[in-house]
Amino acid sequence: MNDPVLRMLRRLPALTPDESRAARVRARCHATLAREQARLEVPPVGVPRLLEHALAGLSVAYLGAVAREMWRMFKY
């Protein structure tokens, strides 16, 4: 090819990452992945789980009350 841009690009030196920097980045990535994996393996327990169930129960009760009121309004 005779493209001048490609010829200039061919003359650029190949970049290689600094080994110590690459090792640090790799270690940080591995640590982050390990923390995320550990977080996903622990099931939620205690108060947050109880609040989740309470909210679901209240939602069902509210929807039941709404349905009952709608039934009462359209019945007459």
N, C-alpha and C. Protein backbone atom coordinates (compact mmCIF):
# COMPACT_ATOMS: atom_id res chain seq x y z
N MET A 1 0.84 -1.17 0.00
CA MET A 1 0.00 0.00 0.00
C MET A 1 0.88 1.24 0.00
N ASN A 2 0.36 2.26 -0.58
CA ASN A 2 1.13 3.50 -0.71
C ASN A 2 0.56 4.63 0.11
N ASP A 3 -0.28 4.32 1.08
CA ASP A 3 -0.91 5.35 1.89
C ASP A 3 0.12 5.96 2.85
N PRO A 4 0.27 7.28 2.85
CA PRO A 4 1.28 7.91 3.71
C PRO A 4 0.97 7.73 5.20
N VAL A 5 -0.29 7.71 5.57
CA VAL A 5 -0.63 7.54 6.98
C VAL A 5 -0.22 6.15 7.45
N LEU A 6 -0.50 5.14 6.65
CA LEU A 6 -0.11 3.78 7.02
C LEU A 6 1.41 3.65 7.11
N ARG A 7 2.13 4.32 6.23
CA ARG A 7 3.59 4.27 6.31
C ARG A 7 4.10 4.92 7.59
N MET A 8 3.48 6.04 7.99
CA MET A 8 3.88 6.68 9.24
C MET A 8 3.56 5.79 10.43
N LEU A 9 2.40 5.15 10.39
CA LEU A 9 2.02 4.27 11.49
C LEU A 9 2.95 3.06 11.59
N ARG A 10 3.41 2.57 10.46
CA ARG A 10 4.33 1.43 10.46
C ARG A 10 5.67 1.77 11.11
N ARG A 11 6.04 3.03 11.07
CA ARG A 11 7.32 3.43 11.65
C ARG A 11 7.25 3.61 13.16
N LEU A 12 6.05 3.67 13.74
CA LEU A 12 5.93 3.84 15.18
C LEU A 12 6.42 2.60 15.91
N PRO A 13 7.04 2.80 17.06
CA PRO A 13 7.51 1.64 17.82
C PRO A 13 6.32 0.92 18.47
N ALA A 14 6.45 -0.38 18.62
CA ALA A 14 5.41 -1.16 19.29
C ALA A 14 5.46 -0.87 20.79
N LEU A 15 4.30 -0.65 21.38
CA LEU A 15 4.24 -0.35 22.80
C LEU A 15 4.09 -1.65 23.60
N THR A 16 4.86 -1.74 24.65
CA THR A 16 4.72 -2.88 25.56
C THR A 16 4.46 -2.32 26.95
N PRO A 17 3.51 -2.90 27.67
CA PRO A 17 3.20 -2.37 29.00
C PRO A 17 4.33 -2.65 29.99
N ASP A 18 4.48 -1.75 30.93
CA ASP A 18 5.44 -1.93 32.00
C ASP A 18 4.99 -3.13 32.84
N GLU A 19 5.87 -4.08 33.08
CA GLU A 19 5.49 -5.31 33.77
C GLU A 19 5.00 -5.05 35.20
N SER A 20 5.65 -4.15 35.92
CA SER A 20 5.22 -3.89 37.29
C SER A 20 3.84 -3.23 37.32
N ARG A 21 3.60 -2.34 36.38
CA ARG A 21 2.29 -1.69 36.31
C ARG A 21 1.21 -2.70 35.93
N ALA A 22 1.52 -3.56 34.97
CA ALA A 22 0.56 -4.58 34.56
C ALA A 22 0.26 -5.53 35.72
N ALA A 23 1.27 -5.85 36.52
CA ALA A 23 1.06 -6.73 37.67
C ALA A 23 0.17 -6.06 38.71
N ARG A 24 0.36 -4.77 38.94
CA ARG A 24 -0.47 -4.05 39.90
C ARG A 24 -1.93 -3.98 39.44
N VAL A 25 -2.13 -3.69 38.16
CA VAL A 25 -3.48 -3.62 37.62
C VAL A 25 -4.14 -4.99 37.71
N ARG A 26 -3.41 -6.03 37.35
CA ARG A 26 -3.94 -7.39 37.43
C ARG A 26 -4.32 -7.74 38.86
N ALA A 27 -3.48 -7.37 39.83
CA ALA A 27 -3.76 -7.67 41.24
C ALA A 27 -5.00 -6.92 41.72
N ARG A 28 -5.15 -5.66 41.33
CA ARG A 28 -6.35 -4.90 41.71
C ARG A 28 -7.60 -5.52 41.10
N CYS A 29 -7.53 -5.93 39.86
CA CYS A 29 -8.68 -6.56 39.21
C CYS A 29 -9.05 -7.86 39.90
N HIS A 30 -8.06 -8.67 40.21
CA HIS A 30 -8.32 -9.94 40.89
C HIS A 30 -8.94 -9.70 42.26
N ALA A 31 -8.45 -8.70 42.98
CA ALA A 31 -9.00 -8.39 44.30
C ALA A 31 -10.45 -7.93 44.19
N THR A 32 -10.74 -7.10 43.21
CA THR A 32 -12.11 -6.63 43.01
C THR A 32 -13.03 -7.78 42.64
N LEU A 33 -12.58 -8.65 41.77
CA LEU A 33 -13.40 -9.80 41.39
C LEU A 33 -13.63 -10.72 42.58
N ALA A 34 -12.62 -10.92 43.42
CA ALA A 34 -12.77 -11.78 44.59
C ALA A 34 -13.76 -11.17 45.58
N ARG A 35 -13.70 -9.85 45.80
CA ARG A 35 -14.66 -9.20 46.70
C ARG A 35 -16.08 -9.33 46.17
N GLU A 36 -16.26 -9.13 44.87
CA GLU A 36 -17.59 -9.23 44.28
C GLU A 36 -18.11 -10.66 44.38
N GLN A 37 -17.27 -11.63 44.14
CA GLN A 37 -17.68 -13.03 44.25
C GLN A 37 -18.07 -13.36 45.69
N ALA A 38 -17.30 -12.89 46.66
CA ALA A 38 -17.61 -13.14 48.07
C ALA A 38 -18.93 -12.47 48.45
N ARG A 39 -19.16 -11.28 47.94
CA ARG A 39 -20.41 -10.57 48.24
C ARG A 39 -21.61 -11.33 47.68
N LEU A 40 -21.47 -11.90 46.50
CA LEU A 40 -22.58 -12.61 45.88
C LEU A 40 -22.85 -13.95 46.54
N GLU A 41 -21.85 -14.54 47.19
CA GLU A 41 -22.02 -15.85 47.81
C GLU A 41 -22.73 -15.78 49.14
N VAL A 42 -22.71 -14.65 49.80
CA VAL A 42 -23.34 -14.52 51.12
C VAL A 42 -24.80 -14.14 50.92
N PRO A 43 -25.74 -15.02 51.34
CA PRO A 43 -27.15 -14.67 51.16
C PRO A 43 -27.57 -13.58 52.14
N PRO A 44 -28.45 -12.70 51.74
CA PRO A 44 -28.90 -11.65 52.65
C PRO A 44 -29.75 -12.26 53.77
N VAL A 45 -29.43 -11.91 54.99
CA VAL A 45 -30.17 -12.41 56.15
C VAL A 45 -30.45 -11.26 57.09
N GLY A 46 -31.31 -11.51 58.06
CA GLY A 46 -31.54 -10.52 59.10
C GLY A 46 -32.58 -9.50 58.73
N VAL A 47 -32.37 -8.29 59.16
CA VAL A 47 -33.35 -7.22 59.04
C VAL A 47 -33.69 -6.91 57.57
N PRO A 48 -32.74 -6.77 56.66
CA PRO A 48 -33.12 -6.45 55.28
C PRO A 48 -34.06 -7.51 54.68
N ARG A 49 -33.81 -8.77 54.97
CA ARG A 49 -34.66 -9.83 54.44
C ARG A 49 -36.06 -9.74 55.05
N LEU A 50 -36.12 -9.46 56.35
CA LEU A 50 -37.40 -9.33 57.03
C LEU A 50 -38.19 -8.14 56.47
N LEU A 51 -37.50 -7.04 56.22
CA LEU A 51 -38.17 -5.87 55.65
C LEU A 51 -38.70 -6.15 54.25
N GLU A 52 -37.96 -6.94 53.50
CA GLU A 52 -38.39 -7.31 52.16
C GLU A 52 -39.71 -8.09 52.22
N HIS A 53 -39.79 -9.05 53.14
CA HIS A 53 -41.00 -9.84 53.28
C HIS A 53 -42.16 -8.99 53.81
N ALA A 54 -41.88 -8.10 54.74
CA ALA A 54 -42.92 -7.23 55.28
C ALA A 54 -43.47 -6.31 54.20
N LEU A 55 -42.59 -5.77 53.37
CA LEU A 55 -43.04 -4.90 52.28
C LEU A 55 -43.89 -5.67 51.29
N ALA A 56 -43.52 -6.90 50.99
CA ALA A 56 -44.32 -7.71 50.08
C ALA A 56 -45.70 -7.98 50.68
N GLY A 57 -45.74 -8.29 51.97
CA GLY A 57 -47.03 -8.53 52.63
C GLY A 57 -47.91 -7.30 52.64
N LEU A 58 -47.33 -6.17 52.94
CA LEU A 58 -48.11 -4.92 52.94
C LEU A 58 -48.63 -4.59 51.54
N SER A 59 -47.83 -4.86 50.54
CA SER A 59 -48.26 -4.60 49.16
C SER A 59 -49.46 -5.46 48.81
N VAL A 60 -49.42 -6.73 49.18
CA VAL A 60 -50.54 -7.63 48.91
C VAL A 60 -51.79 -7.16 49.66
N ALA A 61 -51.62 -6.77 50.92
CA ALA A 61 -52.76 -6.29 51.69
C ALA A 61 -53.35 -5.02 51.07
N TYR A 62 -52.50 -4.11 50.62
CA TYR A 62 -52.97 -2.88 50.00
C TYR A 62 -53.73 -3.17 48.71
N LEU A 63 -53.18 -4.04 47.88
CA LEU A 63 -53.86 -4.37 46.63
C LEU A 63 -55.19 -5.07 46.91
N GLY A 64 -55.25 -5.86 47.96
CA GLY A 64 -56.51 -6.49 48.34
C GLY A 64 -57.55 -5.45 48.75
N ALA A 65 -57.12 -4.46 49.52
CA ALA A 65 -58.04 -3.39 49.92
C ALA A 65 -58.50 -2.58 48.72
N VAL A 66 -57.62 -2.32 47.78
CA VAL A 66 -58.01 -1.59 46.56
C VAL A 66 -59.03 -2.40 45.78
N ALA A 67 -58.79 -3.69 45.62
CA ALA A 67 -59.72 -4.54 44.88
C ALA A 67 -61.07 -4.58 45.58
N ARG A 68 -61.09 -4.67 46.91
CA ARG A 68 -62.34 -4.70 47.66
C ARG A 68 -63.12 -3.38 47.46
N GLU A 69 -62.42 -2.24 47.51
CA GLU A 69 -63.09 -0.95 47.31
C GLU A 69 -63.63 -0.83 45.88
N MET A 70 -62.88 -1.30 44.92
CA MET A 70 -63.36 -1.26 43.53
C MET A 70 -64.61 -2.12 43.39
N TRP A 71 -64.58 -3.29 44.01
CA TRP A 71 -65.74 -4.18 43.95
C TRP A 71 -66.95 -3.50 44.59
N ARG A 72 -66.74 -2.85 45.72
CA ARG A 72 -67.82 -2.18 46.44
C ARG A 72 -68.38 -1.01 45.62
N MET A 73 -67.50 -0.26 44.93
CA MET A 73 -67.95 0.88 44.13
C MET A 73 -68.77 0.43 42.91
N PHE A 74 -68.33 -0.59 42.23
CA PHE A 74 -69.01 -1.00 41.01
C PHE A 74 -70.19 -1.94 41.27
N LYS A 75 -70.32 -2.42 42.47
CA LYS A 75 -71.41 -3.31 42.81
C LYS A 75 -72.73 -2.55 42.89
N TYR A 76 -72.69 -1.30 43.32
CA TYR A 76 -73.92 -0.51 43.50
C TYR A 76 -74.25 0.28 42.29
